[in-house]
Amino acid sequence: MTSGRGCQTRAGVLMHTLVRVGKGVHVFGSKDHGKSWQLMNKTPMSPADESKVIELADGRLMVNARVNGGYGTRHVHISEDGGKTWIGWRENQLVDPGCNGTVIRYTSKADGYQKNRLLFSNASSAKERKNLAVRISYDEGKTWSEGKVITTGTAMYSDLTICSDGSIGILYEPGDGVRFTSI
Protein backbone atom coordinates (compact mmCIF):
# COMPACT_ATOMS: atom_id res chain seq x y z
CA MET A 1 0.00 0.00 0.00
CA THR A 2 1.16 3.55 -0.62
CA SER A 3 2.13 5.52 2.47
CA GLY A 4 -0.06 8.40 3.62
CA ARG A 5 -3.77 8.89 3.52
CA GLY A 6 -6.50 7.58 1.29
CA CYS A 7 -9.81 9.35 0.69
CA GLN A 8 -13.53 8.92 1.15
CA THR A 9 -15.79 9.89 -1.72
CA ARG A 10 -19.08 11.79 -1.29
CA ALA A 11 -20.84 8.45 -1.81
CA GLY A 12 -18.91 7.01 1.16
CA VAL A 13 -16.46 4.81 -0.78
CA LEU A 14 -13.09 4.48 0.99
CA MET A 15 -10.18 4.52 -1.47
CA HIS A 16 -6.42 4.12 -1.39
CA THR A 17 -3.62 3.17 -3.79
CA LEU A 18 -1.53 0.03 -4.11
CA VAL A 19 1.87 0.01 -5.83
CA ARG A 20 2.97 -2.89 -8.00
CA VAL A 21 6.68 -2.09 -8.03
CA GLY A 22 7.87 -1.56 -11.58
CA LYS A 23 4.37 -2.03 -13.02
CA GLY A 24 2.26 0.87 -11.75
CA VAL A 25 -0.55 1.62 -9.33
CA HIS A 26 -3.97 0.19 -8.57
CA VAL A 27 -6.76 1.98 -6.74
CA PHE A 28 -8.67 -0.17 -4.31
CA GLY A 29 -11.85 0.67 -2.45
CA SER A 30 -14.51 -0.36 0.02
CA LYS A 31 -18.21 0.37 -0.34
CA ASP A 32 -19.08 -1.21 3.03
CA HIS A 33 -16.98 0.88 5.47
CA GLY A 34 -13.94 -1.37 5.20
CA LYS A 35 -15.53 -4.80 5.66
CA SER A 36 -14.50 -5.83 2.16
CA TRP A 37 -12.16 -4.35 -0.45
CA GLN A 38 -11.78 -4.66 -4.21
CA LEU A 39 -9.43 -3.38 -6.90
CA MET A 40 -11.08 -0.62 -8.93
CA ASN A 41 -8.70 -0.96 -11.91
CA LYS A 42 -7.55 -4.43 -12.96
CA THR A 43 -4.66 -3.06 -15.05
CA PRO A 44 -2.23 -0.86 -13.11
CA MET A 45 -1.93 2.76 -14.25
CA SER A 46 1.54 3.77 -15.32
CA PRO A 47 3.80 5.58 -14.95
CA ALA A 48 3.15 5.66 -11.24
CA ASP A 49 4.74 4.65 -7.96
CA GLU A 50 3.64 5.96 -4.56
CA SER A 51 0.44 7.85 -5.34
CA LYS A 52 -2.55 9.58 -3.77
CA VAL A 53 -6.17 9.37 -4.89
CA ILE A 54 -8.74 12.13 -4.43
CA GLU A 55 -12.30 12.76 -5.62
CA LEU A 56 -12.76 15.93 -7.67
CA ALA A 57 -15.78 18.20 -7.27
CA ASP A 58 -17.47 16.74 -10.36
CA GLY A 59 -17.11 13.15 -9.07
CA ARG A 60 -14.11 12.16 -11.21
CA LEU A 61 -11.15 10.58 -9.46
CA MET A 62 -7.60 11.93 -9.66
CA VAL A 63 -4.41 10.06 -8.85
CA ASN A 64 -1.33 12.24 -8.29
CA ALA A 65 1.66 9.96 -8.82
CA ARG A 66 5.33 9.82 -8.01
CA VAL A 67 7.43 8.72 -10.98
CA ASN A 68 10.94 7.33 -10.52
CA GLY A 69 13.97 7.32 -12.77
CA GLY A 70 14.80 10.99 -13.27
CA TYR A 71 11.36 11.95 -14.61
CA GLY A 72 11.52 15.32 -12.79
CA THR A 73 7.77 15.91 -12.43
CA ARG A 74 4.63 14.25 -11.11
CA HIS A 75 2.17 12.35 -13.28
CA VAL A 76 -1.62 12.76 -13.00
CA HIS A 77 -4.26 10.18 -13.92
CA ILE A 78 -8.02 10.87 -14.15
CA SER A 79 -10.92 8.40 -14.09
CA GLU A 80 -14.43 9.27 -15.21
CA ASP A 81 -15.89 5.83 -14.45
CA GLY A 82 -15.24 5.31 -10.73
CA GLY A 83 -11.68 4.08 -11.16
CA LYS A 84 -12.10 1.34 -13.78
CA THR A 85 -10.19 3.17 -16.52
CA TRP A 86 -7.68 6.03 -16.37
CA ILE A 87 -6.11 8.59 -18.68
CA GLY A 88 -2.86 10.23 -17.60
CA TRP A 89 -0.32 12.90 -18.43
CA ARG A 90 2.95 14.33 -17.22
CA GLU A 91 2.15 17.25 -14.89
CA ASN A 92 4.91 19.74 -15.67
CA GLN A 93 3.56 22.23 -13.10
CA LEU A 94 4.52 19.86 -10.28
CA VAL A 95 8.32 19.46 -10.22
CA ASP A 96 9.32 16.35 -8.28
CA PRO A 97 12.51 14.31 -7.70
CA GLY A 98 10.70 10.96 -7.49
CA CYS A 99 9.48 11.17 -3.90
CA ASN A 100 6.19 10.66 -2.12
CA GLY A 101 3.92 13.72 -1.97
CA THR A 102 0.27 14.28 -1.16
CA VAL A 103 -2.90 15.95 -2.40
CA ILE A 104 -5.97 16.74 -0.26
CA ARG A 105 -9.15 18.76 -0.50
CA TYR A 106 -9.05 21.92 1.63
CA THR A 107 -12.50 23.33 0.81
CA SER A 108 -15.43 22.43 -1.39
CA LYS A 109 -18.37 24.46 -2.69
CA ALA A 110 -20.49 21.36 -1.99
CA ASP A 111 -19.69 21.86 1.72
CA GLY A 112 -20.76 25.52 1.66
CA TYR A 113 -17.37 27.15 1.01
CA GLN A 114 -17.00 29.86 -1.64
CA LYS A 115 -14.23 28.01 -3.46
CA ASN A 116 -13.07 24.53 -4.34
CA ARG A 117 -9.46 24.25 -3.16
CA LEU A 118 -6.98 21.40 -3.43
CA LEU A 119 -3.63 21.41 -1.62
CA PHE A 120 -0.52 19.57 -2.75
CA SER A 121 2.83 19.11 -0.96
CA ASN A 122 6.11 17.58 -2.07
CA ALA A 123 9.86 18.04 -2.33
CA SER A 124 9.74 20.70 -5.02
CA SER A 125 12.98 19.96 -6.84
CA ALA A 126 13.53 18.02 -10.06
CA LYS A 127 16.55 16.10 -8.75
CA GLU A 128 16.85 16.35 -4.95
CA ARG A 129 14.60 15.71 -1.98
CA LYS A 130 14.56 19.32 -0.76
CA ASN A 131 12.46 22.49 -0.93
CA LEU A 132 9.28 21.19 0.71
CA ALA A 133 6.47 23.26 -0.78
CA VAL A 134 2.69 23.48 -0.48
CA ARG A 135 0.71 24.51 -3.57
CA ILE A 136 -2.95 25.36 -4.03
CA SER A 137 -5.32 24.79 -6.94
CA TYR A 138 -8.63 26.63 -7.34
CA ASP A 139 -9.65 24.69 -10.47
CA GLU A 140 -9.49 21.04 -9.35
CA GLY A 141 -5.84 20.51 -10.26
CA LYS A 142 -5.83 22.02 -13.75
CA THR A 143 -3.43 24.73 -12.55
CA TRP A 144 -1.30 25.02 -9.42
CA SER A 145 0.22 28.00 -7.61
CA GLU A 146 3.99 28.47 -7.47
CA GLY A 147 3.72 27.27 -3.89
CA LYS A 148 4.88 28.29 -0.46
CA VAL A 149 8.27 26.81 0.44
CA ILE A 150 8.11 25.43 3.97
CA THR A 151 11.80 24.50 4.20
CA THR A 152 14.67 24.74 1.72
CA GLY A 153 16.58 21.88 3.33
CA THR A 154 16.14 18.13 3.02
CA ALA A 155 12.46 17.21 2.91
CA MET A 156 10.65 14.09 1.79
CA TYR A 157 7.53 12.00 2.33
CA SER A 158 5.15 14.81 3.22
CA ASP A 159 1.52 14.52 4.23
CA LEU A 160 -1.10 17.21 4.84
CA THR A 161 -4.06 17.52 7.18
CA ILE A 162 -6.57 20.21 8.05
CA CYS A 163 -6.29 21.11 11.75
CA SER A 164 -9.36 21.92 13.86
CA ASP A 165 -8.53 25.65 13.73
CA GLY A 166 -8.45 25.59 9.90
CA SER A 167 -4.66 25.73 9.63
CA ILE A 168 -2.83 23.30 7.38
CA GLY A 169 -0.74 20.67 9.17
CA ILE A 170 2.34 19.36 7.37
CA LEU A 171 4.12 16.17 8.42
CA TYR A 172 7.40 15.39 6.65
CA GLU A 173 10.82 13.78 6.95
CA PRO A 174 13.65 16.33 7.14
CA GLY A 175 16.28 13.57 6.90
CA ASP A 176 16.73 13.08 10.64
CA GLY A 177 13.33 11.90 11.89
CA VAL A 178 9.83 13.25 11.40
CA ARG A 179 8.74 16.87 11.77
CA PHE A 180 5.33 18.57 12.04
CA THR A 181 4.60 22.20 11.27
CA SER A 182 1.50 24.17 10.36
CA ILE A 183 0.66 27.17 8.22
C-alpha atoms as a PDB file:
ATOM      1  CA  MET A   1       0.000   0.000   0.000  1.00  0.00           C
ATOM      2  CA  THR A   2       1.158   3.548  -0.621  1.00  0.00           C
ATOM      3  CA  SER A   3       2.130   5.521   2.471  1.00  0.00           C
ATOM      4  CA  GLY A   4      -0.060   8.401   3.619  1.00  0.00           C
ATOM      5  CA  ARG A   5      -3.769   8.886   3.517  1.00  0.00           C
ATOM      6  CA  GLY A   6      -6.501   7.580   1.285  1.00  0.00           C
ATOM      7  CA  CYS A   7      -9.811   9.351   0.693  1.00  0.00           C
ATOM      8  CA  GLN A   8     -13.528   8.921   1.154  1.00  0.00           C
ATOM      9  CA  THR A   9     -15.794   9.895  -1.723  1.00  0.00           C
ATOM     10  CA  ARG A  10     -19.077  11.795  -1.294  1.00  0.00           C
ATOM     11  CA  ALA A  11     -20.838   8.449  -1.814  1.00  0.00           C
ATOM     12  CA  GLY A  12     -18.909   7.015   1.157  1.00  0.00           C
ATOM     13  CA  VAL A  13     -16.464   4.814  -0.779  1.00  0.00           C
ATOM     14  CA  LEU A  14     -13.093   4.480   0.992  1.00  0.00           C
ATOM     15  CA  MET A  15     -10.182   4.517  -1.469  1.00  0.00           C
ATOM     16  CA  HIS A  16      -6.419   4.120  -1.392  1.00  0.00           C
ATOM     17  CA  THR A  17      -3.623   3.169  -3.788  1.00  0.00           C
ATOM     18  CA  LEU A  18      -1.531   0.032  -4.112  1.00  0.00           C
ATOM     19  CA  VAL A  19       1.866   0.012  -5.833  1.00  0.00           C
ATOM     20  CA  ARG A  20       2.974  -2.894  -8.001  1.00  0.00           C
ATOM     21  CA  VAL A  21       6.677  -2.087  -8.033  1.00  0.00           C
ATOM     22  CA  GLY A  22       7.870  -1.559 -11.583  1.00  0.00           C
ATOM     23  CA  LYS A  23       4.366  -2.028 -13.023  1.00  0.00           C
ATOM     24  CA  GLY A  24       2.260   0.872 -11.749  1.00  0.00           C
ATOM     25  CA  VAL A  25      -0.550   1.620  -9.330  1.00  0.00           C
ATOM     26  CA  HIS A  26      -3.973   0.189  -8.574  1.00  0.00           C
ATOM     27  CA  VAL A  27      -6.759   1.984  -6.743  1.00  0.00           C
ATOM     28  CA  PHE A  28      -8.673  -0.171  -4.312  1.00  0.00           C
ATOM     29  CA  GLY A  29     -11.850   0.668  -2.448  1.00  0.00           C
ATOM     30  CA  SER A  30     -14.511  -0.364   0.017  1.00  0.00           C
ATOM     31  CA  LYS A  31     -18.214   0.368  -0.343  1.00  0.00           C
ATOM     32  CA  ASP A  32     -19.083  -1.206   3.035  1.00  0.00           C
ATOM     33  CA  HIS A  33     -16.984   0.878   5.474  1.00  0.00           C
ATOM     34  CA  GLY A  34     -13.936  -1.375   5.198  1.00  0.00           C
ATOM     35  CA  LYS A  35     -15.533  -4.802   5.660  1.00  0.00           C
ATOM     36  CA  SER A  36     -14.495  -5.831   2.159  1.00  0.00           C
ATOM     37  CA  TRP A  37     -12.164  -4.353  -0.450  1.00  0.00           C
ATOM     38  CA  GLN A  38     -11.775  -4.661  -4.211  1.00  0.00           C
ATOM     39  CA  LEU A  39      -9.433  -3.379  -6.899  1.00  0.00           C
ATOM     40  CA  MET A  40     -11.080  -0.624  -8.931  1.00  0.00           C
ATOM     41  CA  ASN A  41      -8.700  -0.965 -11.914  1.00  0.00           C
ATOM     42  CA  LYS A  42      -7.551  -4.432 -12.964  1.00  0.00           C
ATOM     43  CA  THR A  43      -4.655  -3.064 -15.050  1.00  0.00           C
ATOM     44  CA  PRO A  44      -2.233  -0.858 -13.106  1.00  0.00           C
ATOM     45  CA  MET A  45      -1.929   2.765 -14.253  1.00  0.00           C
ATOM     46  CA  SER A  46       1.538   3.770 -15.318  1.00  0.00           C
ATOM     47  CA  PRO A  47       3.802   5.584 -14.946  1.00  0.00           C
ATOM     48  CA  ALA A  48       3.155   5.656 -11.236  1.00  0.00           C
ATOM     49  CA  ASP A  49       4.745   4.649  -7.963  1.00  0.00           C
ATOM     50  CA  GLU A  50       3.643   5.959  -4.560  1.00  0.00           C
ATOM     51  CA  SER A  51       0.442   7.854  -5.336  1.00  0.00           C
ATOM     52  CA  LYS A  52      -2.545   9.581  -3.770  1.00  0.00           C
ATOM     53  CA  VAL A  53      -6.170   9.371  -4.892  1.00  0.00           C
ATOM     54  CA  ILE A  54      -8.740  12.129  -4.433  1.00  0.00           C
ATOM     55  CA  GLU A  55     -12.298  12.765  -5.624  1.00  0.00           C
ATOM     56  CA  LEU A  56     -12.757  15.926  -7.672  1.00  0.00           C
ATOM     57  CA  ALA A  57     -15.783  18.202  -7.271  1.00  0.00           C
ATOM     58  CA  ASP A  58     -17.468  16.736 -10.357  1.00  0.00           C
ATOM     59  CA  GLY A  59     -17.106  13.146  -9.069  1.00  0.00           C
ATOM     60  CA  ARG A  60     -14.114  12.158 -11.212  1.00  0.00           C
ATOM     61  CA  LEU A  61     -11.149  10.583  -9.458  1.00  0.00           C
ATOM     62  CA  MET A  62      -7.597  11.934  -9.662  1.00  0.00           C
ATOM     63  CA  VAL A  63      -4.406  10.062  -8.849  1.00  0.00           C
ATOM     64  CA  ASN A  64      -1.332  12.235  -8.290  1.00  0.00           C
ATOM     65  CA  ALA A  65       1.664   9.962  -8.820  1.00  0.00           C
ATOM     66  CA  ARG A  66       5.326   9.824  -8.006  1.00  0.00           C
ATOM     67  CA  VAL A  67       7.434   8.718 -10.976  1.00  0.00           C
ATOM     68  CA  ASN A  68      10.941   7.335 -10.515  1.00  0.00           C
ATOM     69  CA  GLY A  69      13.974   7.323 -12.770  1.00  0.00           C
ATOM     70  CA  GLY A  70      14.804  10.985 -13.266  1.00  0.00           C
ATOM     71  CA  TYR A  71      11.358  11.951 -14.613  1.00  0.00           C
ATOM     72  CA  GLY A  72      11.523  15.320 -12.793  1.00  0.00           C
ATOM     73  CA  THR A  73       7.768  15.906 -12.434  1.00  0.00           C
ATOM     74  CA  ARG A  74       4.628  14.251 -11.107  1.00  0.00           C
ATOM     75  CA  HIS A  75       2.166  12.346 -13.284  1.00  0.00           C
ATOM     76  CA  VAL A  76      -1.615  12.764 -13.004  1.00  0.00           C
ATOM     77  CA  HIS A  77      -4.262  10.182 -13.918  1.00  0.00           C
ATOM     78  CA  ILE A  78      -8.025  10.872 -14.147  1.00  0.00           C
ATOM     79  CA  SER A  79     -10.923   8.403 -14.093  1.00  0.00           C
ATOM     80  CA  GLU A  80     -14.432   9.275 -15.213  1.00  0.00           C
ATOM     81  CA  ASP A  81     -15.887   5.825 -14.448  1.00  0.00           C
ATOM     82  CA  GLY A  82     -15.244   5.311 -10.734  1.00  0.00           C
ATOM     83  CA  GLY A  83     -11.679   4.077 -11.155  1.00  0.00           C
ATOM     84  CA  LYS A  84     -12.096   1.341 -13.776  1.00  0.00           C
ATOM     85  CA  THR A  85     -10.193   3.171 -16.523  1.00  0.00           C
ATOM     86  CA  TRP A  86      -7.685   6.029 -16.366  1.00  0.00           C
ATOM     87  CA  ILE A  87      -6.112   8.593 -18.675  1.00  0.00           C
ATOM     88  CA  GLY A  88      -2.859  10.233 -17.604  1.00  0.00           C
ATOM     89  CA  TRP A  89      -0.321  12.902 -18.433  1.00  0.00           C
ATOM     90  CA  ARG A  90       2.946  14.330 -17.224  1.00  0.00           C
ATOM     91  CA  GLU A  91       2.148  17.251 -14.893  1.00  0.00           C
ATOM     92  CA  ASN A  92       4.908  19.742 -15.670  1.00  0.00           C
ATOM     93  CA  GLN A  93       3.561  22.233 -13.098  1.00  0.00           C
ATOM     94  CA  LEU A  94       4.524  19.864 -10.283  1.00  0.00           C
ATOM     95  CA  VAL A  95       8.317  19.460 -10.218  1.00  0.00           C
ATOM     96  CA  ASP A  96       9.316  16.350  -8.276  1.00  0.00           C
ATOM     97  CA  PRO A  97      12.513  14.313  -7.700  1.00  0.00           C
ATOM     98  CA  GLY A  98      10.705  10.963  -7.489  1.00  0.00           C
ATOM     99  CA  CYS A  99       9.477  11.174  -3.898  1.00  0.00           C
ATOM    100  CA  ASN A 100       6.189  10.657  -2.122  1.00  0.00           C
ATOM    101  CA  GLY A 101       3.925  13.724  -1.973  1.00  0.00           C
ATOM    102  CA  THR A 102       0.269  14.284  -1.161  1.00  0.00           C
ATOM    103  CA  VAL A 103      -2.900  15.950  -2.395  1.00  0.00           C
ATOM    104  CA  ILE A 104      -5.965  16.739  -0.259  1.00  0.00           C
ATOM    105  CA  ARG A 105      -9.154  18.759  -0.499  1.00  0.00           C
ATOM    106  CA  TYR A 106      -9.045  21.917   1.633  1.00  0.00           C
ATOM    107  CA  THR A 107     -12.500  23.331   0.814  1.00  0.00           C
ATOM    108  CA  SER A 108     -15.428  22.427  -1.395  1.00  0.00           C
ATOM    109  CA  LYS A 109     -18.370  24.459  -2.695  1.00  0.00           C
ATOM    110  CA  ALA A 110     -20.494  21.362  -1.987  1.00  0.00           C
ATOM    111  CA  ASP A 111     -19.692  21.864   1.725  1.00  0.00           C
ATOM    112  CA  GLY A 112     -20.760  25.525   1.664  1.00  0.00           C
ATOM    113  CA  TYR A 113     -17.373  27.154   1.012  1.00  0.00           C
ATOM    114  CA  GLN A 114     -17.002  29.864  -1.640  1.00  0.00           C
ATOM    115  CA  LYS A 115     -14.228  28.011  -3.458  1.00  0.00           C
ATOM    116  CA  ASN A 116     -13.067  24.528  -4.345  1.00  0.00           C
ATOM    117  CA  ARG A 117      -9.461  24.254  -3.160  1.00  0.00           C
ATOM    118  CA  LEU A 118      -6.983  21.405  -3.431  1.00  0.00           C
ATOM    119  CA  LEU A 119      -3.627  21.408  -1.621  1.00  0.00           C
ATOM    120  CA  PHE A 120      -0.520  19.569  -2.753  1.00  0.00           C
ATOM    121  CA  SER A 121       2.826  19.105  -0.963  1.00  0.00           C
ATOM    122  CA  ASN A 122       6.110  17.583  -2.074  1.00  0.00           C
ATOM    123  CA  ALA A 123       9.858  18.036  -2.332  1.00  0.00           C
ATOM    124  CA  SER A 124       9.737  20.704  -5.023  1.00  0.00           C
ATOM    125  CA  SER A 125      12.985  19.961  -6.845  1.00  0.00           C
ATOM    126  CA  ALA A 126      13.526  18.016 -10.058  1.00  0.00           C
ATOM    127  CA  LYS A 127      16.546  16.099  -8.752  1.00  0.00           C
ATOM    128  CA  GLU A 128      16.855  16.354  -4.948  1.00  0.00           C
ATOM    129  CA  ARG A 129      14.598  15.707  -1.984  1.00  0.00           C
ATOM    130  CA  LYS A 130      14.559  19.316  -0.760  1.00  0.00           C
ATOM    131  CA  ASN A 131      12.456  22.492  -0.926  1.00  0.00           C
ATOM    132  CA  LEU A 132       9.283  21.190   0.708  1.00  0.00           C
ATOM    133  CA  ALA A 133       6.468  23.265  -0.778  1.00  0.00           C
ATOM    134  CA  VAL A 134       2.688  23.479  -0.484  1.00  0.00           C
ATOM    135  CA  ARG A 135       0.710  24.508  -3.570  1.00  0.00           C
ATOM    136  CA  ILE A 136      -2.955  25.363  -4.034  1.00  0.00           C
ATOM    137  CA  SER A 137      -5.315  24.789  -6.945  1.00  0.00           C
ATOM    138  CA  TYR A 138      -8.629  26.625  -7.341  1.00  0.00           C
ATOM    139  CA  ASP A 139      -9.649  24.687 -10.466  1.00  0.00           C
ATOM    140  CA  GLU A 140      -9.489  21.039  -9.349  1.00  0.00           C
ATOM    141  CA  GLY A 141      -5.837  20.513 -10.256  1.00  0.00           C
ATOM    142  CA  LYS A 142      -5.830  22.020 -13.750  1.00  0.00           C
ATOM    143  CA  THR A 143      -3.432  24.725 -12.548  1.00  0.00           C
ATOM    144  CA  TRP A 144      -1.302  25.023  -9.422  1.00  0.00           C
ATOM    145  CA  SER A 145       0.224  28.002  -7.614  1.00  0.00           C
ATOM    146  CA  GLU A 146       3.988  28.469  -7.473  1.00  0.00           C
ATOM    147  CA  GLY A 147       3.717  27.273  -3.891  1.00  0.00           C
ATOM    148  CA  LYS A 148       4.883  28.288  -0.460  1.00  0.00           C
ATOM    149  CA  VAL A 149       8.274  26.813   0.437  1.00  0.00           C
ATOM    150  CA  ILE A 150       8.111  25.426   3.972  1.00  0.00           C
ATOM    151  CA  THR A 151      11.800  24.495   4.201  1.00  0.00           C
ATOM    152  CA  THR A 152      14.673  24.736   1.718  1.00  0.00           C
ATOM    153  CA  GLY A 153      16.580  21.880   3.335  1.00  0.00           C
ATOM    154  CA  THR A 154      16.139  18.134   3.025  1.00  0.00           C
ATOM    155  CA  ALA A 155      12.457  17.210   2.913  1.00  0.00           C
ATOM    156  CA  MET A 156      10.647  14.093   1.786  1.00  0.00           C
ATOM    157  CA  TYR A 157       7.533  12.004   2.333  1.00  0.00           C
ATOM    158  CA  SER A 158       5.150  14.812   3.223  1.00  0.00           C
ATOM    159  CA  ASP A 159       1.523  14.523   4.226  1.00  0.00           C
ATOM    160  CA  LEU A 160      -1.100  17.212   4.843  1.00  0.00           C
ATOM    161  CA  THR A 161      -4.056  17.518   7.181  1.00  0.00           C
ATOM    162  CA  ILE A 162      -6.571  20.211   8.055  1.00  0.00           C
ATOM    163  CA  CYS A 163      -6.294  21.108  11.753  1.00  0.00           C
ATOM    164  CA  SER A 164      -9.364  21.922  13.856  1.00  0.00           C
ATOM    165  CA  ASP A 165      -8.528  25.655  13.728  1.00  0.00           C
ATOM    166  CA  GLY A 166      -8.446  25.589   9.897  1.00  0.00           C
ATOM    167  CA  SER A 167      -4.661  25.733   9.628  1.00  0.00           C
ATOM    168  CA  ILE A 168      -2.828  23.296   7.376  1.00  0.00           C
ATOM    169  CA  GLY A 169      -0.742  20.669   9.170  1.00  0.00           C
ATOM    170  CA  ILE A 170       2.345  19.358   7.374  1.00  0.00           C
ATOM    171  CA  LEU A 171       4.121  16.174   8.423  1.00  0.00           C
ATOM    172  CA  TYR A 172       7.397  15.393   6.648  1.00  0.00           C
ATOM    173  CA  GLU A 173      10.818  13.778   6.947  1.00  0.00           C
ATOM    174  CA  PRO A 174      13.655  16.332   7.135  1.00  0.00           C
ATOM    175  CA  GLY A 175      16.281  13.575   6.903  1.00  0.00           C
ATOM    176  CA  ASP A 176      16.730  13.076  10.642  1.00  0.00           C
ATOM    177  CA  GLY A 177      13.330  11.897  11.888  1.00  0.00           C
ATOM    178  CA  VAL A 178       9.825  13.254  11.396  1.00  0.00           C
ATOM    179  CA  ARG A 179       8.736  16.869  11.767  1.00  0.00           C
ATOM    180  CA  PHE A 180       5.326  18.568  12.040  1.00  0.00           C
ATOM    181  CA  THR A 181       4.605  22.204  11.271  1.00  0.00           C
ATOM    182  CA  SER A 182       1.498  24.168  10.365  1.00  0.00           C
ATOM    183  CA  ILE A 183       0.658  27.174   8.219  1.00  0.00           C
END
